[in-house]
Amino acid sequence: MNATVFIACSLDGYIARADGALDWLPSSEAEAGVEDYGYTDFMDSVDVLVMGRMSFEKVLSFEKWPYGMKPVVVLSRRMLRLPKEVPECVSLMAPDLPIVMETLSARGEKHLYVDGGKTIQGFLDAGLIDTLIITRIPILLGEGIPLFGPLKKDIRLQHIETCAFDSGFVQSRYAVCG
């Protein structure tokens, strides 16, 4: 199974403001241009999206569910059941990452999209991320929720490619070295 991170962050490495707000991200095609930065192709390659509870709660605040009927697994120790308004393609699991991977593999899932700060950090710490696709947005927030946090050990990356967009966004792809 292949696990990939596809995420945007500020130039100073934050994925959200301290309160979880994403108001600094482009919110419309007019702001972002017509370029989707490879997101559609990436989502087409993904079998299941795995995210933490906090990211899930943020997504629930959006006007529209952004993932269609793509299977989504929410990892949480606190949430005992999903809200009634979520699509049937959403399921809940405890954040025991080896069991999550084993369960999803047994279901035949081959490509995971891992999203959410703490979830990404946990998967990285467990050595379960294969690829990082990070899009840097040209803004400095000064503080917020960092993409990366403390790690148990160094994680070596191999740069695959970097693409600069007319919007000023810079997207880099890295392979996580074993």
Protein backbone atom coordinates (compact mmCIF):
# COMPACT_ATOMS: atom_id res chain seq x y z
CA MET A 1 0.00 0.00 0.00
CA ASN A 2 1.19 3.49 -0.89
CA ALA A 3 0.48 6.45 1.43
CA THR A 4 0.79 10.00 0.13
CA VAL A 5 0.47 13.43 1.71
CA PHE A 6 -0.92 16.18 -0.55
CA ILE A 7 -1.10 19.42 1.39
CA ALA A 8 -0.67 23.18 1.20
CA CYS A 9 1.17 25.22 3.78
CA SER A 10 2.29 28.79 4.28
CA LEU A 11 5.84 29.69 3.41
CA ASP A 12 6.66 29.50 7.12
CA GLY A 13 5.29 25.95 7.37
CA TYR A 14 1.77 26.31 8.80
CA ILE A 15 -1.25 24.38 7.51
CA ALA A 16 -3.80 26.48 9.41
CA ARG A 17 -4.01 29.38 11.82
CA ALA A 18 -3.74 28.52 15.53
CA ASP A 19 -7.56 28.35 15.73
CA GLY A 20 -7.71 26.04 12.68
CA ALA A 21 -8.84 28.79 10.29
CA LEU A 22 -7.98 28.37 6.61
CA ASP A 23 -8.98 31.88 5.52
CA TRP A 24 -5.50 32.51 4.10
CA LEU A 25 -5.91 29.76 1.49
CA PRO A 26 -7.33 30.69 -1.91
CA SER A 27 -11.03 29.95 -1.67
CA SER A 28 -12.15 30.38 -5.23
CA GLU A 29 -11.01 29.82 -8.79
CA ALA A 30 -10.70 33.59 -9.12
CA GLU A 31 -8.13 33.66 -6.31
CA ALA A 32 -6.33 30.46 -7.23
CA GLY A 33 -6.67 30.76 -10.99
CA VAL A 34 -8.01 27.86 -13.00
CA GLU A 35 -5.06 25.65 -12.07
CA ASP A 36 -5.89 22.93 -9.53
CA TYR A 37 -2.19 22.15 -8.92
CA GLY A 38 -2.61 18.47 -9.77
CA TYR A 39 -5.28 17.88 -7.14
CA THR A 40 -7.87 16.31 -9.46
CA ASP A 41 -5.37 13.86 -10.96
CA PHE A 42 -4.08 13.07 -7.48
CA MET A 43 -7.58 12.40 -6.11
CA ASP A 44 -8.31 10.18 -9.12
CA SER A 45 -5.30 8.05 -8.11
CA VAL A 46 -6.39 7.71 -4.47
CA ASP A 47 -8.48 4.80 -3.14
CA VAL A 48 -9.19 6.22 0.32
CA LEU A 49 -8.54 9.40 2.28
CA VAL A 50 -7.43 9.07 5.91
CA MET A 51 -7.71 12.12 8.17
CA GLY A 52 -7.83 13.00 11.83
CA ARG A 53 -10.86 14.19 13.75
CA MET A 54 -9.86 17.86 13.81
CA SER A 55 -9.41 17.96 10.02
CA PHE A 56 -12.71 16.13 9.61
CA GLU A 57 -14.49 18.66 11.80
CA LYS A 58 -12.98 21.47 9.73
CA VAL A 59 -14.18 19.82 6.50
CA LEU A 60 -17.68 19.52 7.98
CA SER A 61 -17.74 23.32 8.29
CA PHE A 62 -17.31 23.71 4.51
CA GLU A 63 -20.34 24.64 2.42
CA LYS A 64 -20.09 21.41 0.44
CA TRP A 65 -18.55 17.98 1.12
CA PRO A 66 -15.38 18.16 -1.02
CA TYR A 67 -14.63 14.46 -1.60
CA GLY A 68 -17.71 13.20 -3.43
CA MET A 69 -18.16 9.50 -2.71
CA LYS A 70 -14.42 8.83 -2.25
CA PRO A 71 -14.05 6.65 0.87
CA VAL A 72 -12.88 8.69 3.88
CA VAL A 73 -11.61 7.19 7.14
CA VAL A 74 -11.65 9.47 10.17
CA LEU A 75 -9.18 8.56 12.90
CA SER A 76 -10.31 9.42 16.41
CA ARG A 77 -10.20 8.20 19.98
CA ARG A 78 -12.79 10.75 21.13
CA MET A 79 -15.46 10.53 18.44
CA LEU A 80 -17.66 7.49 19.10
CA ARG A 81 -19.93 7.90 16.08
CA LEU A 82 -20.13 10.02 12.99
CA PRO A 83 -22.63 12.87 12.63
CA LYS A 84 -25.78 11.89 10.71
CA GLU A 85 -25.16 14.39 7.89
CA VAL A 86 -21.93 12.80 6.61
CA PRO A 87 -21.97 10.71 3.44
CA GLU A 88 -22.11 6.91 3.74
CA CYS A 89 -18.58 6.69 2.33
CA VAL A 90 -17.17 8.04 5.64
CA SER A 91 -16.13 5.62 8.35
CA LEU A 92 -14.53 5.93 11.77
CA MET A 93 -11.48 4.07 13.10
CA ALA A 94 -9.25 4.28 16.17
CA PRO A 95 -5.87 5.84 15.35
CA ASP A 96 -3.91 2.60 15.76
CA LEU A 97 -1.93 3.06 12.56
CA PRO A 98 -0.72 -0.52 12.01
CA ILE A 99 -4.31 -1.76 12.39
CA VAL A 100 -5.58 1.02 10.11
CA MET A 101 -3.09 0.01 7.43
CA GLU A 102 -3.84 -3.69 7.84
CA THR A 103 -7.61 -3.10 7.67
CA LEU A 104 -7.41 -0.88 4.60
CA SER A 105 -5.03 -3.26 2.87
CA ALA A 106 -7.42 -6.16 3.57
CA ARG A 107 -10.19 -4.08 1.94
CA GLY A 108 -8.04 -3.89 -1.18
CA GLU A 109 -7.05 -0.23 -0.85
CA LYS A 110 -3.77 0.50 -2.62
CA HIS A 111 -3.29 4.29 -2.43
CA LEU A 112 -4.01 6.31 0.72
CA TYR A 113 -4.24 10.09 0.91
CA VAL A 114 -3.16 11.06 4.43
CA ASP A 115 -4.40 14.47 5.59
CA GLY A 116 -4.32 16.55 8.76
CA GLY A 117 -1.36 17.78 10.79
CA LYS A 118 -1.31 15.27 13.65
CA THR A 119 -2.32 12.41 11.36
CA ILE A 120 0.49 13.20 8.92
CA GLN A 121 2.97 13.46 11.81
CA GLY A 122 1.81 10.12 13.22
CA PHE A 123 2.09 8.36 9.86
CA LEU A 124 5.56 9.87 9.34
CA ASP A 125 6.70 8.79 12.80
CA ALA A 126 5.45 5.26 12.10
CA GLY A 127 7.31 5.16 8.77
CA LEU A 128 4.08 4.79 6.80
CA ILE A 129 4.32 7.73 4.35
CA ASP A 130 5.82 7.04 0.92
CA THR A 131 5.42 10.42 -0.79
CA LEU A 132 5.02 14.04 0.31
CA ILE A 133 3.51 16.58 -2.10
CA ILE A 134 3.74 19.98 -0.46
CA THR A 135 2.46 23.18 -2.04
CA ARG A 136 3.93 26.34 -0.49
CA ILE A 137 1.58 29.31 -0.56
CA PRO A 138 3.36 32.70 -0.69
CA ILE A 139 2.16 34.01 2.67
CA LEU A 140 3.78 34.22 6.10
CA LEU A 141 1.41 33.52 9.00
CA GLY A 142 3.89 33.86 11.85
CA GLU A 143 2.10 31.24 13.93
CA GLY A 144 -0.41 28.47 13.54
CA ILE A 145 -0.65 24.71 13.25
CA PRO A 146 2.64 23.42 11.83
CA LEU A 147 2.82 20.85 9.08
CA PHE A 148 5.63 19.07 10.89
CA GLY A 149 6.29 18.62 14.58
CA PRO A 150 8.72 16.72 16.78
CA LEU A 151 9.84 13.37 15.37
CA LYS A 152 11.36 10.32 17.05
CA LYS A 153 14.14 10.30 14.45
CA ASP A 154 15.29 12.09 11.34
CA ILE A 155 13.31 11.32 8.20
CA ARG A 156 15.31 11.52 5.01
CA LEU A 157 13.58 12.67 1.86
CA GLN A 158 14.56 12.41 -1.78
CA HIS A 159 13.50 15.35 -3.90
CA ILE A 160 11.56 14.16 -6.96
CA GLU A 161 10.45 17.42 -8.58
CA THR A 162 9.43 21.01 -7.96
CA CYS A 163 7.03 23.07 -10.01
CA ALA A 164 6.48 26.84 -9.72
CA PHE A 165 3.09 28.19 -10.76
CA ASP A 166 2.19 31.66 -12.05
CA SER A 167 0.19 32.19 -8.84
CA GLY A 168 3.45 32.06 -6.87
CA PHE A 169 2.62 28.63 -5.47
CA VAL A 170 5.56 26.23 -5.39
CA GLN A 171 4.84 22.51 -5.27
CA SER A 172 7.51 19.97 -4.35
CA ARG A 173 7.30 16.21 -4.41
CA TYR A 174 9.50 14.07 -2.16
CA ALA A 175 9.93 10.34 -1.71
CA VAL A 176 10.33 9.31 1.91
CA CYS A 177 13.50 7.24 2.20
CA GLY A 178 13.30 4.13 4.37
